[in-house]
Structure formats: structure tokens, C-alpha cells
Amino acid sequence: MKRQGLTESPAGRWTRPEDYLGAMARKRSFRRGSRQRERTEPESARLLLSTVPFLALISLLGVLGVAIMIMAFPGSQPVVQAPQLTPPEQGVAQKGWFQEAQREFHH
């Protein structure tokens, strides 16, 4: 894509995306190649940092599950008794109470 009458300068090459991305990739690969490789795994397995906490959590969940099952067993629940209802009583009102209430309501 050269334009007629124009020469391409080295500074102008950096305006194209493929040149910029190629230089970034070369720079990254150079940095990666020059640094020392780090170990991602320890030389020996650390029991206290990997297996023991996992086993402790699993056993704690197991104990919690068994405790919930024991507490939820129907035989250990108290028997709910029906509430004692008192029999309805026949009330007695004075004569004329209804007429008195109507008068008070309409005032």
C-alpha cells in the first residue's frame, strides 16, 4: 500500500497495527526467555498445607451432617399436645342493653 511519490520511513512503519503487534510479541518473548523459570510445585508435598485442611473440613461437614440427622429424627421431637379449649359459656346481658347501645351509636 505504498502511495505514489512518497517513501516509507522507519517511523511510518509503526502506524500499521501488524508491525506494532509483532514488536510487542518479540519484546514479550525476549522477556520470558531471559528470566529464570520458577517452580510452580514445591519440591516435597506439604501435608499441613494441602491434605490436612481438606480432611478437617470434610470431617467437620460429616459430623455436622450426622448431628443434623440425629436432631431431626422424629423420635427425639417432643409430642405436641392440642391446646385445651374451654367450652363456650352462655353470657347474660341486662335488659335494654341493645337499645342503649343504639342510642349511643347514633349520637
PDB file of N, CA and C in Angstrom:
ATOM      1  N   MET A   1       0.818  -1.187   0.000  1.00  0.00           N
ATOM      2  CA  MET A   1       0.000   0.000   0.000  1.00  0.00           C
ATOM      3  C   MET A   1       0.863   1.253   0.000  1.00  0.00           C
ATOM      4  N   LYS A   2       1.814   1.293  -0.857  1.00  0.00           N
ATOM      5  CA  LYS A   2       2.634   2.499  -0.949  1.00  0.00           C
ATOM      6  C   LYS A   2       1.886   3.554  -1.748  1.00  0.00           C
ATOM      7  N   ARG A   3       2.001   4.752  -1.293  1.00  0.00           N
ATOM      8  CA  ARG A   3       1.403   5.864  -2.018  1.00  0.00           C
ATOM      9  C   ARG A   3       2.394   6.343  -3.060  1.00  0.00           C
ATOM     10  N   GLN A   4       1.902   6.820  -4.118  1.00  0.00           N
ATOM     11  CA  GLN A   4       2.796   7.261  -5.200  1.00  0.00           C
ATOM     12  C   GLN A   4       3.522   8.531  -4.789  1.00  0.00           C
ATOM     13  N   GLY A   5       4.787   8.547  -5.008  1.00  0.00           N
ATOM     14  CA  GLY A   5       5.590   9.723  -4.735  1.00  0.00           C
ATOM     15  C   GLY A   5       6.053   9.838  -3.296  1.00  0.00           C
ATOM     16  N   LEU A   6       5.663   8.934  -2.431  1.00  0.00           N
ATOM     17  CA  LEU A   6       6.068   9.004  -1.027  1.00  0.00           C
ATOM     18  C   LEU A   6       6.946   7.807  -0.711  1.00  0.00           C
ATOM     19  N   THR A   7       7.958   8.056   0.059  1.00  0.00           N
ATOM     20  CA  THR A   7       8.799   6.957   0.509  1.00  0.00           C
ATOM     21  C   THR A   7       8.396   6.607   1.926  1.00  0.00           C
ATOM     22  N   GLU A   8       8.538   5.352   2.267  1.00  0.00           N
ATOM     23  CA  GLU A   8       8.147   4.904   3.598  1.00  0.00           C
ATOM     24  C   GLU A   8       9.315   5.070   4.544  1.00  0.00           C
ATOM     25  N   SER A   9       9.103   5.783   5.606  1.00  0.00           N
ATOM     26  CA  SER A   9      10.148   5.992   6.593  1.00  0.00           C
ATOM     27  C   SER A   9      10.027   4.937   7.690  1.00  0.00           C
ATOM     28  N   PRO A  10      11.108   4.685   8.440  1.00  0.00           N
ATOM     29  CA  PRO A  10      11.015   3.722   9.541  1.00  0.00           C
ATOM     30  C   PRO A  10      10.005   4.157  10.593  1.00  0.00           C
ATOM     31  N   ALA A  11       9.846   5.449  10.781  1.00  0.00           N
ATOM     32  CA  ALA A  11       8.876   5.927  11.761  1.00  0.00           C
ATOM     33  C   ALA A  11       7.455   5.674  11.292  1.00  0.00           C
ATOM     34  N   GLY A  12       7.225   5.683  10.008  1.00  0.00           N
ATOM     35  CA  GLY A  12       5.893   5.456   9.465  1.00  0.00           C
ATOM     36  C   GLY A  12       5.451   4.017   9.559  1.00  0.00           C
ATOM     37  N   ARG A  13       6.381   3.108   9.715  1.00  0.00           N
ATOM     38  CA  ARG A  13       6.031   1.691   9.810  1.00  0.00           C
ATOM     39  C   ARG A  13       5.278   1.369  11.093  1.00  0.00           C
ATOM     40  N   TRP A  14       5.434   2.179  12.108  1.00  0.00           N
ATOM     41  CA  TRP A  14       4.788   1.891  13.386  1.00  0.00           C
ATOM     42  C   TRP A  14       3.319   2.284  13.393  1.00  0.00           C
ATOM     43  N   THR A  15       2.851   2.842  12.331  1.00  0.00           N
ATOM     44  CA  THR A  15       1.431   3.208  12.277  1.00  0.00           C
ATOM     45  C   THR A  15       0.561   2.041  11.860  1.00  0.00           C
ATOM     46  N   ARG A  16       1.153   0.970  11.353  1.00  0.00           N
ATOM     47  CA  ARG A  16       0.358  -0.197  10.972  1.00  0.00           C
ATOM     48  C   ARG A  16       0.220  -1.121  12.178  1.00  0.00           C
ATOM     49  N   PRO A  17      -0.967  -1.639  12.420  1.00  0.00           N
ATOM     50  CA  PRO A  17      -1.179  -2.492  13.604  1.00  0.00           C
ATOM     51  C   PRO A  17      -0.348  -3.763  13.595  1.00  0.00           C
ATOM     52  N   GLU A  18      -0.154  -4.388  12.452  1.00  0.00           N
ATOM     53  CA  GLU A  18       0.591  -5.649  12.436  1.00  0.00           C
ATOM     54  C   GLU A  18       2.052  -5.458  12.812  1.00  0.00           C
ATOM     55  N   ASP A  19       2.650  -4.301  12.478  1.00  0.00           N
ATOM     56  CA  ASP A  19       4.030  -4.041  12.889  1.00  0.00           C
ATOM     57  C   ASP A  19       4.102  -3.831  14.397  1.00  0.00           C
ATOM     58  N   TYR A  20       3.134  -3.127  14.932  1.00  0.00           N
ATOM     59  CA  TYR A  20       3.117  -2.849  16.371  1.00  0.00           C
ATOM     60  C   TYR A  20       2.928  -4.140  17.163  1.00  0.00           C
ATOM     61  N   LEU A  21       1.991  -4.974  16.737  1.00  0.00           N
ATOM     62  CA  LEU A  21       1.730  -6.231  17.452  1.00  0.00           C
ATOM     63  C   LEU A  21       2.913  -7.187  17.340  1.00  0.00           C
ATOM     64  N   GLY A  22       3.591  -7.204  16.187  1.00  0.00           N
ATOM     65  CA  GLY A  22       4.766  -8.062  16.029  1.00  0.00           C
ATOM     66  C   GLY A  22       5.885  -7.649  16.970  1.00  0.00           C
ATOM     67  N   ALA A  23       6.091  -6.344  17.109  1.00  0.00           N
ATOM     68  CA  ALA A  23       7.135  -5.863  18.016  1.00  0.00           C
ATOM     69  C   ALA A  23       6.787  -6.181  19.468  1.00  0.00           C
ATOM     70  N   MET A  24       5.520  -6.075  19.825  1.00  0.00           N
ATOM     71  CA  MET A  24       5.116  -6.407  21.197  1.00  0.00           C
ATOM     72  C   MET A  24       5.345  -7.888  21.489  1.00  0.00           C
ATOM     73  N   ALA A  25       5.052  -8.743  20.520  1.00  0.00           N
ATOM     74  CA  ALA A  25       5.259 -10.177  20.706  1.00  0.00           C
ATOM     75  C   ALA A  25       6.741 -10.496  20.852  1.00  0.00           C
ATOM     76  N   ARG A  26       7.592  -9.856  20.056  1.00  0.00           N
ATOM     77  CA  ARG A  26       9.040 -10.090  20.179  1.00  0.00           C
ATOM     78  C   ARG A  26       9.551  -9.613  21.523  1.00  0.00           C
ATOM     79  N   LYS A  27       9.064  -8.486  21.992  1.00  0.00           N
ATOM     80  CA  LYS A  27       9.504  -7.960  23.284  1.00  0.00           C
ATOM     81  C   LYS A  27       9.088  -8.902  24.417  1.00  0.00           C
ATOM     82  N   ARG A  28       7.865  -9.429  24.325  1.00  0.00           N
ATOM     83  CA  ARG A  28       7.376 -10.333  25.371  1.00  0.00           C
ATOM     84  C   ARG A  28       8.164 -11.640  25.376  1.00  0.00           C
ATOM     85  N   SER A  29       8.422 -12.182  24.207  1.00  0.00           N
ATOM     86  CA  SER A  29       9.166 -13.442  24.156  1.00  0.00           C
ATOM     87  C   SER A  29      10.604 -13.242  24.639  1.00  0.00           C
ATOM     88  N   PHE A  30      11.182 -12.067  24.403  1.00  0.00           N
ATOM     89  CA  PHE A  30      12.522 -11.792  24.903  1.00  0.00           C
ATOM     90  C   PHE A  30      12.534 -11.739  26.420  1.00  0.00           C
ATOM     91  N   ARG A  31      11.532 -11.087  27.007  1.00  0.00           N
ATOM     92  CA  ARG A  31      11.474 -11.005  28.473  1.00  0.00           C
ATOM     93  C   ARG A  31      11.262 -12.378  29.090  1.00  0.00           C
ATOM     94  N   ARG A  32      10.419 -13.164  28.467  1.00  0.00           N
ATOM     95  CA  ARG A  32      10.163 -14.504  29.007  1.00  0.00           C
ATOM     96  C   ARG A  32      11.388 -15.403  28.894  1.00  0.00           C
ATOM     97  N   GLY A  33      12.116 -15.261  27.833  1.00  0.00           N
ATOM     98  CA  GLY A  33      13.277 -16.115  27.625  1.00  0.00           C
ATOM     99  C   GLY A  33      14.435 -15.758  28.533  1.00  0.00           C
ATOM    100  N   SER A  34      14.556 -14.497  28.922  1.00  0.00           N
ATOM    101  CA  SER A  34      15.707 -14.076  29.711  1.00  0.00           C
ATOM    102  C   SER A  34      15.530 -14.318  31.209  1.00  0.00           C
ATOM    103  N   ARG A  35      14.309 -14.453  31.648  1.00  0.00           N
ATOM    104  CA  ARG A  35      14.137 -14.653  33.099  1.00  0.00           C
ATOM    105  C   ARG A  35      14.246 -16.134  33.460  1.00  0.00           C
ATOM    106  N   GLN A  36      14.504 -16.355  34.723  1.00  0.00           N
ATOM    107  CA  GLN A  36      14.699 -17.712  35.201  1.00  0.00           C
ATOM    108  C   GLN A  36      13.338 -18.369  35.446  1.00  0.00           C
ATOM    109  N   ARG A  37      13.224 -19.613  35.097  1.00  0.00           N
ATOM    110  CA  ARG A  37      11.963 -20.330  35.275  1.00  0.00           C
ATOM    111  C   ARG A  37      11.723 -20.586  36.765  1.00  0.00           C
ATOM    112  N   GLU A  38      10.503 -20.274  37.207  1.00  0.00           N
ATOM    113  CA  GLU A  38      10.151 -20.511  38.610  1.00  0.00           C
ATOM    114  C   GLU A  38       9.421 -21.840  38.716  1.00  0.00           C
ATOM    115  N   ARG A  39       9.640 -22.494  39.820  1.00  0.00           N
ATOM    116  CA  ARG A  39       8.942 -23.748  40.060  1.00  0.00           C
ATOM    117  C   ARG A  39       7.521 -23.455  40.504  1.00  0.00           C
ATOM    118  N   THR A  40       6.584 -24.186  39.965  1.00  0.00           N
ATOM    119  CA  THR A  40       5.187 -23.992  40.350  1.00  0.00           C
ATOM    120  C   THR A  40       4.760 -24.989  41.417  1.00  0.00           C
ATOM    121  N   GLU A  41       5.532 -26.032  41.599  1.00  0.00           N
ATOM    122  CA  GLU A  41       5.221 -27.035  42.615  1.00  0.00           C
ATOM    123  C   GLU A  41       6.358 -27.090  43.629  1.00  0.00           C
ATOM    124  N   PRO A  42       6.017 -27.292  44.902  1.00  0.00           N
ATOM    125  CA  PRO A  42       7.093 -27.433  45.883  1.00  0.00           C
ATOM    126  C   PRO A  42       7.858 -28.735  45.650  1.00  0.00           C
ATOM    127  N   GLU A  43       9.079 -28.787  46.178  1.00  0.00           N
ATOM    128  CA  GLU A  43       9.894 -29.973  45.985  1.00  0.00           C
ATOM    129  C   GLU A  43       9.325 -31.189  46.696  1.00  0.00           C
ATOM    130  N   SER A  44       8.667 -30.977  47.827  1.00  0.00           N
ATOM    131  CA  SER A  44       8.024 -32.082  48.525  1.00  0.00           C
ATOM    132  C   SER A  44       6.597 -31.660  48.884  1.00  0.00           C
ATOM    133  N   ALA A  45       5.725 -32.622  48.948  1.00  0.00           N
ATOM    134  CA  ALA A  45       4.333 -32.321  49.269  1.00  0.00           C
ATOM    135  C   ALA A  45       4.225 -31.826  50.711  1.00  0.00           C
ATOM    136  N   ARG A  46       3.492 -30.772  50.888  1.00  0.00           N
ATOM    137  CA  ARG A  46       3.303 -30.225  52.234  1.00  0.00           C
ATOM    138  C   ARG A  46       1.959 -30.692  52.764  1.00  0.00           C
ATOM    139  N   LEU A  47       2.022 -31.611  53.685  1.00  0.00           N
ATOM    140  CA  LEU A  47       0.818 -32.231  54.218  1.00  0.00           C
ATOM    141  C   LEU A  47      -0.039 -31.222  54.978  1.00  0.00           C
ATOM    142  N   LEU A  48       0.593 -30.333  55.724  1.00  0.00           N
ATOM    143  CA  LEU A  48      -0.166 -29.389  56.535  1.00  0.00           C
ATOM    144  C   LEU A  48      -0.848 -28.308  55.697  1.00  0.00           C
ATOM    145  N   LEU A  49      -0.374 -28.088  54.485  1.00  0.00           N
ATOM    146  CA  LEU A  49      -0.958 -27.038  53.656  1.00  0.00           C
ATOM    147  C   LEU A  49      -1.959 -27.562  52.638  1.00  0.00           C
ATOM    148  N   SER A  50      -2.007 -28.867  52.436  1.00  0.00           N
ATOM    149  CA  SER A  50      -2.904 -29.364  51.394  1.00  0.00           C
ATOM    150  C   SER A  50      -3.906 -30.384  51.915  1.00  0.00           C
ATOM    151  N   THR A  51      -3.429 -31.483  52.445  1.00  0.00           N
ATOM    152  CA  THR A  51      -4.317 -32.593  52.773  1.00  0.00           C
ATOM    153  C   THR A  51      -5.010 -32.416  54.112  1.00  0.00           C
ATOM    154  N   VAL A  52      -4.315 -31.954  55.115  1.00  0.00           N
ATOM    155  CA  VAL A  52      -4.896 -31.858  56.459  1.00  0.00           C
ATOM    156  C   VAL A  52      -6.077 -30.883  56.505  1.00  0.00           C
ATOM    157  N   PRO A  53      -5.977 -29.676  55.952  1.00  0.00           N
ATOM    158  CA  PRO A  53      -7.160 -28.798  55.981  1.00  0.00           C
ATOM    159  C   PRO A  53      -8.345 -29.376  55.215  1.00  0.00           C
ATOM    160  N   PHE A  54      -8.067 -30.047  54.103  1.00  0.00           N
ATOM    161  CA  PHE A  54      -9.138 -30.664  53.337  1.00  0.00           C
ATOM    162  C   PHE A  54      -9.829 -31.750  54.157  1.00  0.00           C
ATOM    163  N   LEU A  55      -9.056 -32.608  54.783  1.00  0.00           N
ATOM    164  CA  LEU A  55      -9.640 -33.676  55.603  1.00  0.00           C
ATOM    165  C   LEU A  55     -10.382 -33.108  56.806  1.00  0.00           C
ATOM    166  N   ALA A  56      -9.869 -32.025  57.394  1.00  0.00           N
ATOM    167  CA  ALA A  56     -10.556 -31.406  58.531  1.00  0.00           C
ATOM    168  C   ALA A  56     -11.909 -30.843  58.110  1.00  0.00           C
ATOM    169  N   LEU A  57     -11.964 -30.196  56.966  1.00  0.00           N
ATOM    170  CA  LEU A  57     -13.237 -29.649  56.501  1.00  0.00           C
ATOM    171  C   LEU A  57     -14.239 -30.745  56.165  1.00  0.00           C
ATOM    172  N   ILE A  58     -13.764 -31.789  55.514  1.00  0.00           N
ATOM    173  CA  ILE A  58     -14.660 -32.893  55.162  1.00  0.00           C
ATOM    174  C   ILE A  58     -15.185 -33.583  56.417  1.00  0.00           C
ATOM    175  N   SER A  59     -14.321 -33.798  57.404  1.00  0.00           N
ATOM    176  CA  SER A  59     -14.777 -34.457  58.629  1.00  0.00           C
ATOM    177  C   SER A  59     -15.730 -33.551  59.411  1.00  0.00           C
ATOM    178  N   LEU A  60     -15.471 -32.248  59.410  1.00  0.00           N
ATOM    179  CA  LEU A  60     -16.376 -31.314  60.091  1.00  0.00           C
ATOM    180  C   LEU A  60     -17.750 -31.316  59.431  1.00  0.00           C
ATOM    181  N   LEU A  61     -17.786 -31.336  58.111  1.00  0.00           N
ATOM    182  CA  LEU A  61     -19.072 -31.407  57.417  1.00  0.00           C
ATOM    183  C   LEU A  61     -19.783 -32.733  57.699  1.00  0.00           C
ATOM    184  N   GLY A  62     -19.029 -33.811  57.790  1.00  0.00           N
ATOM    185  CA  GLY A  62     -19.623 -35.107  58.111  1.00  0.00           C
ATOM    186  C   GLY A  62     -20.227 -35.127  59.501  1.00  0.00           C
ATOM    187  N   VAL A  63     -19.495 -34.596  60.476  1.00  0.00           N
ATOM    188  CA  VAL A  63     -20.004 -34.547  61.855  1.00  0.00           C
ATOM    189  C   VAL A  63     -21.249 -33.658  61.919  1.00  0.00           C
ATOM    190  N   LEU A  64     -21.212 -32.537  61.230  1.00  0.00           N
ATOM    191  CA  LEU A  64     -22.361 -31.638  61.206  1.00  0.00           C
ATOM    192  C   LEU A  64     -23.570 -32.314  60.563  1.00  0.00           C
ATOM    193  N   GLY A  65     -23.352 -33.054  59.495  1.00  0.00           N
ATOM    194  CA  GLY A  65     -24.446 -33.774  58.842  1.00  0.00           C
ATOM    195  C   GLY A  65     -25.051 -34.832  59.746  1.00  0.00           C
ATOM    196  N   VAL A  66     -24.213 -35.596  60.437  1.00  0.00           N
ATOM    197  CA  VAL A  66     -24.715 -36.622  61.352  1.00  0.00           C
ATOM    198  C   VAL A  66     -25.477 -35.973  62.506  1.00  0.00           C
ATOM    199  N   ALA A  67     -24.975 -34.858  63.047  1.00  0.00           N
ATOM    200  CA  ALA A  67     -25.667 -34.164  64.139  1.00  0.00           C
ATOM    201  C   ALA A  67     -27.033 -33.657  63.694  1.00  0.00           C
ATOM    202  N   ILE A  68     -27.120 -33.157  62.485  1.00  0.00           N
ATOM    203  CA  ILE A  68     -28.412 -32.685  61.976  1.00  0.00           C
ATOM    204  C   ILE A  68     -29.373 -33.851  61.804  1.00  0.00           C
ATOM    205  N   MET A  69     -28.867 -34.983  61.326  1.00  0.00           N
ATOM    206  CA  MET A  69     -29.741 -36.155  61.167  1.00  0.00           C
ATOM    207  C   MET A  69     -30.250 -36.659  62.515  1.00  0.00           C
ATOM    208  N   ILE A  70     -29.401 -36.659  63.529  1.00  0.00           N
ATOM    209  CA  ILE A  70     -29.826 -37.114  64.859  1.00  0.00           C
ATOM    210  C   ILE A  70     -30.860 -36.166  65.445  1.00  0.00           C
ATOM    211  N   MET A  71     -30.621 -34.869  65.294  1.00  0.00           N
ATOM    212  CA  MET A  71     -31.563 -33.889  65.843  1.00  0.00           C
ATOM    213  C   MET A  71     -32.908 -33.926  65.116  1.00  0.00           C
ATOM    214  N   ALA A  72     -32.902 -34.279  63.837  1.00  0.00           N
ATOM    215  CA  ALA A  72     -34.134 -34.273  63.057  1.00  0.00           C
ATOM    216  C   ALA A  72     -34.897 -35.587  63.146  1.00  0.00           C
ATOM    217  N   PHE A  73     -34.375 -36.575  63.847  1.00  0.00           N
ATOM    218  CA  PHE A  73     -35.046 -37.863  63.958  1.00  0.00           C
ATOM    219  C   PHE A  73     -36.368 -37.675  64.691  1.00  0.00           C
ATOM    220  N   PRO A  74     -37.474 -38.213  64.180  1.00  0.00           N
ATOM    221  CA  PRO A  74     -38.784 -37.949  64.775  1.00  0.00           C
ATOM    222  C   PRO A  74     -38.944 -38.419  66.218  1.00  0.00           C
ATOM    223  N   GLY A  75     -38.237 -39.447  66.624  1.00  0.00           N
ATOM    224  CA  GLY A  75     -38.392 -39.942  67.991  1.00  0.00           C
ATOM    225  C   GLY A  75     -37.870 -38.971  69.042  1.00  0.00           C
ATOM    226  N   SER A  76     -36.981 -38.073  68.668  1.00  0.00           N
ATOM    227  CA  SER A  76     -36.407 -37.157  69.643  1.00  0.00           C
ATOM    228  C   SER A  76     -37.195 -35.849  69.750  1.00  0.00           C
ATOM    229  N   GLN A  77     -38.234 -35.710  68.937  1.00  0.00           N
ATOM    230  CA  GLN A  77     -39.033 -34.489  68.973  1.00  0.00           C
ATOM    231  C   GLN A  77     -40.108 -34.605  70.059  1.00  0.00           C
ATOM    232  N   PRO A  78     -40.388 -33.523  70.772  1.00  0.00           N
ATOM    233  CA  PRO A  78     -41.445 -33.577  71.782  1.00  0.00           C
ATOM    234  C   PRO A  78     -42.818 -33.703  71.111  1.00  0.00           C
ATOM    235  N   VAL A  79     -43.720 -34.379  71.812  1.00  0.00           N
ATOM    236  CA  VAL A  79     -45.073 -34.573  71.298  1.00  0.00           C
ATOM    237  C   VAL A  79     -45.852 -33.281  71.524  1.00  0.00           C
ATOM    238  N   VAL A  80     -46.449 -32.789  70.469  1.00  0.00           N
ATOM    239  CA  VAL A  80     -47.216 -31.552  70.573  1.00  0.00           C
ATOM    240  C   VAL A  80     -48.632 -31.919  70.988  1.00  0.00           C
ATOM    241  N   GLN A  81     -49.082 -31.342  72.097  1.00  0.00           N
ATOM    242  CA  GLN A  81     -50.431 -31.607  72.584  1.00  0.00           C
ATOM    243  C   GLN A  81     -51.372 -30.533  72.051  1.00  0.00           C
ATOM    244  N   ALA A  82     -52.583 -30.936  71.791  1.00  0.00           N
ATOM    245  CA  ALA A  82     -53.580 -29.984  71.320  1.00  0.00           C
ATOM    246  C   ALA A  82     -53.908 -29.018  72.460  1.00  0.00           C
ATOM    247  N   PRO A  83     -54.071 -27.747  72.155  1.00  0.00           N
ATOM    248  CA  PRO A  83     -54.385 -26.795  73.223  1.00  0.00           C
ATOM    249  C   PRO A  83     -55.761 -27.087  73.831  1.00  0.00           C
ATOM    250  N   GLN A  84     -55.863 -26.909  75.143  1.00  0.00           N
ATOM    251  CA  GLN A  84     -57.113 -27.158  75.871  1.00  0.00           C
ATOM    252  C   GLN A  84     -58.056 -25.975  75.643  1.00  0.00           C
ATOM    253  N   LEU A  85     -59.155 -26.252  74.963  1.00  0.00           N
ATOM    254  CA  LEU A  85     -60.132 -25.206  74.703  1.00  0.00           C
ATOM    255  C   LEU A  85     -61.198 -25.240  75.796  1.00  0.00           C
ATOM    256  N   THR A  86     -61.527 -24.084  76.304  1.00  0.00           N
ATOM    257  CA  THR A  86     -62.607 -24.015  77.309  1.00  0.00           C
ATOM    258  C   THR A  86     -63.943 -24.019  76.582  1.00  0.00           C
ATOM    259  N   PRO A  87     -64.910 -24.688  77.124  1.00  0.00           N
ATOM    260  CA  PRO A  87     -66.219 -24.718  76.449  1.00  0.00           C
ATOM    261  C   PRO A  87     -66.844 -23.318  76.463  1.00  0.00           C
ATOM    262  N   PRO A  88     -67.553 -22.959  75.415  1.00  0.00           N
ATOM    263  CA  PRO A  88     -68.165 -21.639  75.386  1.00  0.00           C
ATOM    264  C   PRO A  88     -69.214 -21.487  76.485  1.00  0.00           C
ATOM    265  N   GLU A  89     -69.247 -20.315  77.086  1.00  0.00           N
ATOM    266  CA  GLU A  89     -70.201 -20.054  78.169  1.00  0.00           C
ATOM    267  C   GLU A  89     -71.329 -19.168  77.653  1.00  0.00           C
ATOM    268  N   GLN A  90     -72.479 -19.394  78.182  1.00  0.00           N
ATOM    269  CA  GLN A  90     -73.632 -18.577  77.828  1.00  0.00           C
ATOM    270  C   GLN A  90     -73.566 -17.297  78.642  1.00  0.00           C
ATOM    271  N   GLY A  91     -73.487 -16.163  77.964  1.00  0.00           N
ATOM    272  CA  GLY A  91     -73.411 -14.877  78.658  1.00  0.00           C
ATOM    273  C   GLY A  91     -74.807 -14.337  78.983  1.00  0.00           C
ATOM    274  N   VAL A  92     -74.850 -13.451  79.942  1.00  0.00           N
ATOM    275  CA  VAL A  92     -76.125 -12.851  80.360  1.00  0.00           C
ATOM    276  C   VAL A  92     -75.967 -11.337  80.256  1.00  0.00           C
ATOM    277  N   ALA A  93     -76.887 -10.684  79.570  1.00  0.00           N
ATOM    278  CA  ALA A  93     -76.857  -9.230  79.446  1.00  0.00           C
ATOM    279  C   ALA A  93     -78.097  -8.637  80.120  1.00  0.00           C
ATOM    280  N   GLN A  94     -77.988  -7.417  80.578  1.00  0.00           N
ATOM    281  CA  GLN A  94     -79.120  -6.748  81.222  1.00  0.00           C
ATOM    282  C   GLN A  94     -80.151  -6.390  80.167  1.00  0.00           C
ATOM    283  N   LYS A  95     -81.392  -6.252  80.620  1.00  0.00           N
ATOM    284  CA  LYS A  95     -82.458  -5.892  79.687  1.00  0.00           C
ATOM    285  C   LYS A  95     -82.251  -4.469  79.200  1.00  0.00           C
ATOM    286  N   GLY A  96     -82.432  -4.231  77.919  1.00  0.00           N
ATOM    287  CA  GLY A  96     -82.350  -2.907  77.339  1.00  0.00           C
ATOM    288  C   GLY A  96     -80.945  -2.492  76.924  1.00  0.00           C
ATOM    289  N   TRP A  97     -79.983  -3.382  76.970  1.00  0.00           N
ATOM    290  CA  TRP A  97     -78.602  -3.008  76.634  1.00  0.00           C
ATOM    291  C   TRP A  97     -78.452  -2.709  75.149  1.00  0.00           C
ATOM    292  N   PHE A  98     -79.218  -3.405  74.309  1.00  0.00           N
ATOM    293  CA  PHE A  98     -79.101  -3.202  72.874  1.00  0.00           C
ATOM    294  C   PHE A  98     -79.649  -1.830  72.467  1.00  0.00           C
ATOM    295  N   GLN A  99     -80.786  -1.439  73.050  1.00  0.00           N
ATOM    296  CA  GLN A  99     -81.374  -0.135  72.748  1.00  0.00           C
ATOM    297  C   GLN A  99     -80.458   0.977  73.239  1.00  0.00           C
ATOM    298  N   GLU A 100     -79.864   0.774  74.370  1.00  0.00           N
ATOM    299  CA  GLU A 100     -78.900   1.770  74.923  1.00  0.00           C
ATOM    300  C   GLU A 100     -77.685   1.915  74.002  1.00  0.00           C
ATOM    301  N   ALA A 101     -77.188   0.817  73.460  1.00  0.00           N
ATOM    302  CA  ALA A 101     -76.041   0.857  72.553  1.00  0.00           C
ATOM    303  C   ALA A 101     -76.404   1.550  71.252  1.00  0.00           C
ATOM    304  N   GLN A 102     -77.628   1.321  70.755  1.00  0.00           N
ATOM    305  CA  GLN A 102     -78.056   2.001  69.535  1.00  0.00           C
ATOM    306  C   GLN A 102     -78.149   3.516  69.736  1.00  0.00           C
ATOM    307  N   ARG A 103     -78.652   3.931  70.872  1.00  0.00           N
ATOM    308  CA  ARG A 103     -78.742   5.368  71.166  1.00  0.00           C
ATOM    309  C   ARG A 103     -77.359   5.999  71.217  1.00  0.00           C
ATOM    310  N   GLU A 104     -76.423   5.335  71.842  1.00  0.00           N
ATOM    311  CA  GLU A 104     -75.060   5.866  71.932  1.00  0.00           C
ATOM    312  C   GLU A 104     -74.377   5.899  70.548  1.00  0.00           C
ATOM    313  N   PHE A 105     -74.727   4.955  69.724  1.00  0.00           N
ATOM    314  CA  PHE A 105     -74.107   4.896  68.404  1.00  0.00           C
ATOM    315  C   PHE A 105     -74.607   6.014  67.501  1.00  0.00           C
ATOM    316  N   HIS A 106     -75.878   6.362  67.599  1.00  0.00           N
ATOM    317  CA  HIS A 106     -76.457   7.384  66.720  1.00  0.00           C
ATOM    318  C   HIS A 106     -76.218   8.787  67.220  1.00  0.00           C
ATOM    319  N   HIS A 107     -75.702   8.979  68.370  1.00  0.00           N
ATOM    320  CA  HIS A 107     -75.401  10.333  68.873  1.00  0.00           C
ATOM    321  C   HIS A 107     -74.115  10.813  68.370  1.00  0.00           C
TER     322      HIS A 107
END
